[in-house]
Amino acid sequence: MDDLDGNAMGGLLQEIFGVEMTTAVETCGHCGTAALVAETAAYLRGPGAVMRCPTCTHVLMVVVRRQDMHCVDLQGMASLVPAGQAAPDRREYPVARPR
């Protein structure tokens, strides 16, 4: 299956989030790469739309339309920050470290 860039999901993401999202910065929850949504790999053929990390190809987002609503899975993202908004301060979210 051929991938497109994240711009291919721009209209869908704007419908879901209500703002322009191709210029948002996503951070991969697997490898930690921060990139613009437009730079991700998008796959639109199938039962849903899939967005993958441009570095490690980990699944970042899955969007499926069910009846009259969108079901959005963002488990692969550590963060998603729309353009013009400050990233959350990581100090507010301590990471559990093994003892």
N, C-alpha and C. Protein backbone atom coordinates (compact mmCIF):
# COMPACT_ATOMS: atom_id res chain seq x y z
N MET A 1 0.85 -1.17 0.00
CA MET A 1 0.00 0.00 0.00
C MET A 1 0.90 1.24 0.00
N ASP A 2 0.60 2.17 -0.86
CA ASP A 2 1.39 3.39 -0.97
C ASP A 2 1.01 4.39 0.11
N ASP A 3 2.04 5.02 0.66
CA ASP A 3 1.78 6.03 1.67
C ASP A 3 1.75 7.41 1.05
N LEU A 4 1.03 8.30 1.68
CA LEU A 4 0.96 9.71 1.32
C LEU A 4 1.57 10.47 2.47
N ASP A 5 1.76 11.78 2.32
CA ASP A 5 2.22 12.53 3.49
C ASP A 5 1.01 12.93 4.32
N GLY A 6 1.27 13.42 5.51
CA GLY A 6 0.21 13.76 6.45
C GLY A 6 -0.77 14.80 5.96
N ASN A 7 -0.41 15.56 4.93
CA ASN A 7 -1.34 16.54 4.36
C ASN A 7 -2.60 15.87 3.84
N ALA A 8 -2.49 14.61 3.44
CA ALA A 8 -3.65 13.88 2.91
C ALA A 8 -4.74 13.72 3.96
N MET A 9 -4.38 13.81 5.23
CA MET A 9 -5.36 13.69 6.31
C MET A 9 -5.82 15.05 6.83
N GLY A 10 -5.36 16.13 6.21
CA GLY A 10 -5.64 17.48 6.69
C GLY A 10 -7.11 17.80 6.86
N GLY A 11 -7.93 17.50 5.85
CA GLY A 11 -9.36 17.79 5.94
C GLY A 11 -10.05 16.99 7.03
N LEU A 12 -9.71 15.72 7.12
CA LEU A 12 -10.28 14.85 8.14
C LEU A 12 -9.91 15.34 9.54
N LEU A 13 -8.64 15.69 9.73
CA LEU A 13 -8.19 16.16 11.04
C LEU A 13 -8.84 17.49 11.42
N GLN A 14 -9.03 18.37 10.43
CA GLN A 14 -9.69 19.64 10.73
C GLN A 14 -11.15 19.41 11.10
N GLU A 15 -11.79 18.45 10.47
CA GLU A 15 -13.17 18.10 10.82
C GLU A 15 -13.25 17.59 12.26
N ILE A 16 -12.27 16.80 12.66
CA ILE A 16 -12.28 16.20 14.00
C ILE A 16 -11.89 17.21 15.08
N PHE A 17 -10.77 17.93 14.86
CA PHE A 17 -10.22 18.82 15.89
C PHE A 17 -10.70 20.26 15.79
N GLY A 18 -11.25 20.64 14.64
CA GLY A 18 -11.79 21.98 14.48
C GLY A 18 -10.77 23.06 14.18
N VAL A 19 -9.50 22.68 14.01
CA VAL A 19 -8.44 23.63 13.65
C VAL A 19 -7.51 22.96 12.65
N GLU A 20 -6.70 23.76 11.98
CA GLU A 20 -5.69 23.26 11.04
C GLU A 20 -4.69 22.39 11.81
N MET A 21 -4.55 21.14 11.41
CA MET A 21 -3.68 20.22 12.15
C MET A 21 -2.44 19.77 11.39
N THR A 22 -2.31 20.09 10.10
CA THR A 22 -1.12 19.63 9.37
C THR A 22 0.13 20.34 9.85
N THR A 23 -0.02 21.49 10.48
CA THR A 23 1.13 22.22 11.02
C THR A 23 1.33 21.96 12.52
N ALA A 24 0.52 21.06 13.07
CA ALA A 24 0.68 20.67 14.48
C ALA A 24 1.93 19.81 14.61
N VAL A 25 2.50 19.80 15.79
CA VAL A 25 3.69 18.99 16.06
C VAL A 25 3.26 17.76 16.86
N GLU A 26 3.57 16.59 16.32
CA GLU A 26 3.30 15.35 17.02
C GLU A 26 4.62 14.78 17.50
N THR A 27 4.57 14.08 18.63
CA THR A 27 5.75 13.40 19.15
C THR A 27 5.42 11.92 19.23
N CYS A 28 6.25 11.11 18.60
CA CYS A 28 6.05 9.67 18.57
C CYS A 28 6.26 9.09 19.97
N GLY A 29 5.32 8.29 20.41
CA GLY A 29 5.43 7.65 21.72
C GLY A 29 6.40 6.49 21.74
N HIS A 30 6.87 6.07 20.57
CA HIS A 30 7.79 4.94 20.50
C HIS A 30 9.24 5.40 20.44
N CYS A 31 9.57 6.29 19.48
CA CYS A 31 10.98 6.69 19.31
C CYS A 31 11.27 8.11 19.78
N GLY A 32 10.21 8.91 20.07
CA GLY A 32 10.40 10.27 20.56
C GLY A 32 10.60 11.32 19.50
N THR A 33 10.51 10.95 18.23
CA THR A 33 10.66 11.93 17.15
C THR A 33 9.52 12.93 17.17
N ALA A 34 9.87 14.21 17.11
CA ALA A 34 8.87 15.28 16.99
C ALA A 34 8.87 15.74 15.54
N ALA A 35 7.70 15.78 14.93
CA ALA A 35 7.59 16.17 13.52
C ALA A 35 6.24 16.83 13.28
N LEU A 36 6.16 17.59 12.20
CA LEU A 36 4.88 18.16 11.80
C LEU A 36 3.97 17.02 11.33
N VAL A 37 2.69 17.15 11.56
CA VAL A 37 1.74 16.15 11.08
C VAL A 37 1.89 15.98 9.57
N ALA A 38 2.16 17.07 8.86
CA ALA A 38 2.33 17.01 7.40
C ALA A 38 3.49 16.12 6.98
N GLU A 39 4.45 15.89 7.88
CA GLU A 39 5.64 15.09 7.55
C GLU A 39 5.46 13.60 7.85
N THR A 40 4.34 13.23 8.45
CA THR A 40 4.11 11.83 8.77
C THR A 40 3.70 11.07 7.52
N ALA A 41 3.66 9.76 7.61
CA ALA A 41 3.17 8.92 6.52
C ALA A 41 1.70 8.63 6.78
N ALA A 42 0.86 8.80 5.77
CA ALA A 42 -0.57 8.57 5.91
C ALA A 42 -1.02 7.47 4.96
N TYR A 43 -1.88 6.61 5.45
CA TYR A 43 -2.44 5.52 4.66
C TYR A 43 -3.96 5.66 4.74
N LEU A 44 -4.59 5.89 3.59
CA LEU A 44 -6.01 6.18 3.58
C LEU A 44 -6.86 5.07 3.00
N ARG A 45 -6.25 4.07 2.39
CA ARG A 45 -7.02 2.97 1.81
C ARG A 45 -7.21 1.89 2.86
N GLY A 46 -8.41 1.58 3.13
CA GLY A 46 -8.69 0.57 4.14
C GLY A 46 -9.91 0.99 4.93
N PRO A 47 -10.19 0.28 5.99
CA PRO A 47 -11.37 0.62 6.78
C PRO A 47 -11.21 1.92 7.55
N GLY A 48 -9.99 2.45 7.66
CA GLY A 48 -9.76 3.70 8.37
C GLY A 48 -8.51 4.36 7.86
N ALA A 49 -8.21 5.53 8.40
CA ALA A 49 -6.99 6.27 8.05
C ALA A 49 -5.95 6.01 9.12
N VAL A 50 -4.71 5.79 8.70
CA VAL A 50 -3.62 5.50 9.62
C VAL A 50 -2.49 6.49 9.39
N MET A 51 -1.94 7.03 10.48
CA MET A 51 -0.78 7.92 10.42
C MET A 51 0.38 7.23 11.12
N ARG A 52 1.56 7.23 10.47
CA ARG A 52 2.74 6.56 11.02
C ARG A 52 3.90 7.55 11.19
N CYS A 53 4.76 7.26 12.14
CA CYS A 53 5.95 8.07 12.41
C CYS A 53 6.86 8.06 11.19
N PRO A 54 7.39 9.22 10.79
CA PRO A 54 8.29 9.27 9.64
C PRO A 54 9.65 8.63 9.90
N THR A 55 9.99 8.40 11.17
CA THR A 55 11.29 7.83 11.53
C THR A 55 11.23 6.32 11.75
N CYS A 56 10.35 5.89 12.65
CA CYS A 56 10.32 4.46 13.02
C CYS A 56 9.13 3.70 12.45
N THR A 57 8.21 4.38 11.79
CA THR A 57 6.98 3.84 11.19
C THR A 57 5.97 3.30 12.22
N HIS A 58 6.15 3.62 13.49
CA HIS A 58 5.19 3.23 14.53
C HIS A 58 3.84 3.90 14.24
N VAL A 59 2.74 3.22 14.51
CA VAL A 59 1.41 3.80 14.30
C VAL A 59 1.17 4.89 15.33
N LEU A 60 0.87 6.09 14.84
CA LEU A 60 0.62 7.25 15.71
C LEU A 60 -0.87 7.46 15.95
N MET A 61 -1.65 7.33 14.87
CA MET A 61 -3.08 7.65 14.94
C MET A 61 -3.85 6.75 13.99
N VAL A 62 -5.02 6.34 14.44
CA VAL A 62 -5.95 5.61 13.59
C VAL A 62 -7.31 6.30 13.71
N VAL A 63 -7.93 6.58 12.57
CA VAL A 63 -9.24 7.21 12.55
C VAL A 63 -10.18 6.33 11.74
N VAL A 64 -11.29 5.95 12.38
CA VAL A 64 -12.30 5.13 11.72
C VAL A 64 -13.64 5.83 11.86
N ARG A 65 -14.39 5.87 10.77
CA ARG A 65 -15.74 6.46 10.83
C ARG A 65 -16.72 5.32 11.10
N ARG A 66 -17.52 5.50 12.14
CA ARG A 66 -18.52 4.50 12.52
C ARG A 66 -19.85 5.21 12.66
N GLN A 67 -20.79 4.82 11.82
CA GLN A 67 -22.09 5.46 11.75
C GLN A 67 -21.89 6.96 11.54
N ASP A 68 -22.29 7.79 12.49
CA ASP A 68 -22.18 9.24 12.32
C ASP A 68 -21.10 9.87 13.18
N MET A 69 -20.08 9.09 13.55
CA MET A 69 -19.01 9.66 14.38
C MET A 69 -17.66 9.10 13.96
N HIS A 70 -16.62 9.84 14.33
CA HIS A 70 -15.24 9.39 14.10
C HIS A 70 -14.72 8.77 15.39
N CYS A 71 -14.08 7.63 15.27
CA CYS A 71 -13.40 7.01 16.41
C CYS A 71 -11.91 7.25 16.19
N VAL A 72 -11.25 7.91 17.13
CA VAL A 72 -9.86 8.31 16.98
C VAL A 72 -9.01 7.64 18.05
N ASP A 73 -7.97 6.95 17.62
CA ASP A 73 -7.02 6.30 18.53
C ASP A 73 -5.69 7.04 18.42
N LEU A 74 -5.27 7.67 19.51
CA LEU A 74 -4.02 8.44 19.54
C LEU A 74 -2.97 7.78 20.44
N GLN A 75 -3.11 6.49 20.71
CA GLN A 75 -2.23 5.82 21.65
C GLN A 75 -0.76 5.87 21.25
N GLY A 76 -0.47 5.98 19.97
CA GLY A 76 0.92 5.99 19.52
C GLY A 76 1.63 7.32 19.68
N MET A 77 0.89 8.36 20.05
CA MET A 77 1.48 9.69 20.21
C MET A 77 1.77 10.00 21.67
N ALA A 78 2.94 10.58 21.90
CA ALA A 78 3.25 11.08 23.25
C ALA A 78 2.61 12.45 23.42
N SER A 79 2.51 13.23 22.32
CA SER A 79 1.86 14.54 22.38
C SER A 79 1.45 14.96 20.98
N LEU A 80 0.48 15.86 20.94
CA LEU A 80 0.00 16.46 19.70
C LEU A 80 -0.32 17.91 20.02
N VAL A 81 0.47 18.84 19.50
CA VAL A 81 0.34 20.25 19.85
C VAL A 81 0.05 21.07 18.59
N PRO A 82 -1.15 21.67 18.49
CA PRO A 82 -1.48 22.51 17.34
C PRO A 82 -0.50 23.68 17.21
N ALA A 83 -0.26 24.13 16.00
CA ALA A 83 0.64 25.26 15.75
C ALA A 83 0.17 26.48 16.53
N GLY A 84 1.12 27.20 17.08
CA GLY A 84 0.82 28.41 17.83
C GLY A 84 0.52 28.18 19.30
N GLN A 85 0.45 26.92 19.71
CA GLN A 85 0.23 26.62 21.12
C GLN A 85 1.52 26.10 21.73
N ALA A 86 1.74 26.43 22.97
CA ALA A 86 2.95 25.98 23.65
C ALA A 86 2.84 24.49 23.98
N ALA A 87 3.95 23.81 23.86
CA ALA A 87 3.98 22.40 24.24
C ALA A 87 3.82 22.29 25.75
N PRO A 88 3.21 21.22 26.21
CA PRO A 88 3.07 21.06 27.66
C PRO A 88 4.43 20.96 28.33
N ASP A 89 4.53 21.51 29.52
CA ASP A 89 5.77 21.46 30.28
C ASP A 89 5.93 20.05 30.82
N ARG A 90 6.96 19.36 30.37
CA ARG A 90 7.16 17.96 30.75
C ARG A 90 7.41 17.81 32.25
N ARG A 91 7.85 18.87 32.91
CA ARG A 91 8.08 18.78 34.35
C ARG A 91 6.79 18.55 35.11
N GLU A 92 5.66 18.92 34.51
CA GLU A 92 4.37 18.71 35.16
C GLU A 92 3.94 17.25 35.12
N TYR A 93 4.56 16.46 34.25
CA TYR A 93 4.18 15.07 34.07
C TYR A 93 5.38 14.18 34.35
N PRO A 94 5.64 13.90 35.63
CA PRO A 94 6.83 13.10 35.95
C PRO A 94 6.73 11.70 35.37
N VAL A 95 7.86 11.18 34.93
CA VAL A 95 7.94 9.85 34.37
C VAL A 95 8.33 8.88 35.48
N ALA A 96 7.60 7.79 35.58
CA ALA A 96 7.93 6.77 36.58
C ALA A 96 9.22 6.08 36.17
N ARG A 97 10.16 6.04 37.06
CA ARG A 97 11.45 5.39 36.79
C ARG A 97 11.57 4.13 37.60
N PRO A 98 12.09 3.05 37.00
CA PRO A 98 12.27 1.82 37.76
C PRO A 98 13.27 2.01 38.90
N ARG A 99 13.07 1.33 40.00
CA ARG A 99 13.97 1.47 41.15
C ARG A 99 15.03 0.42 41.13
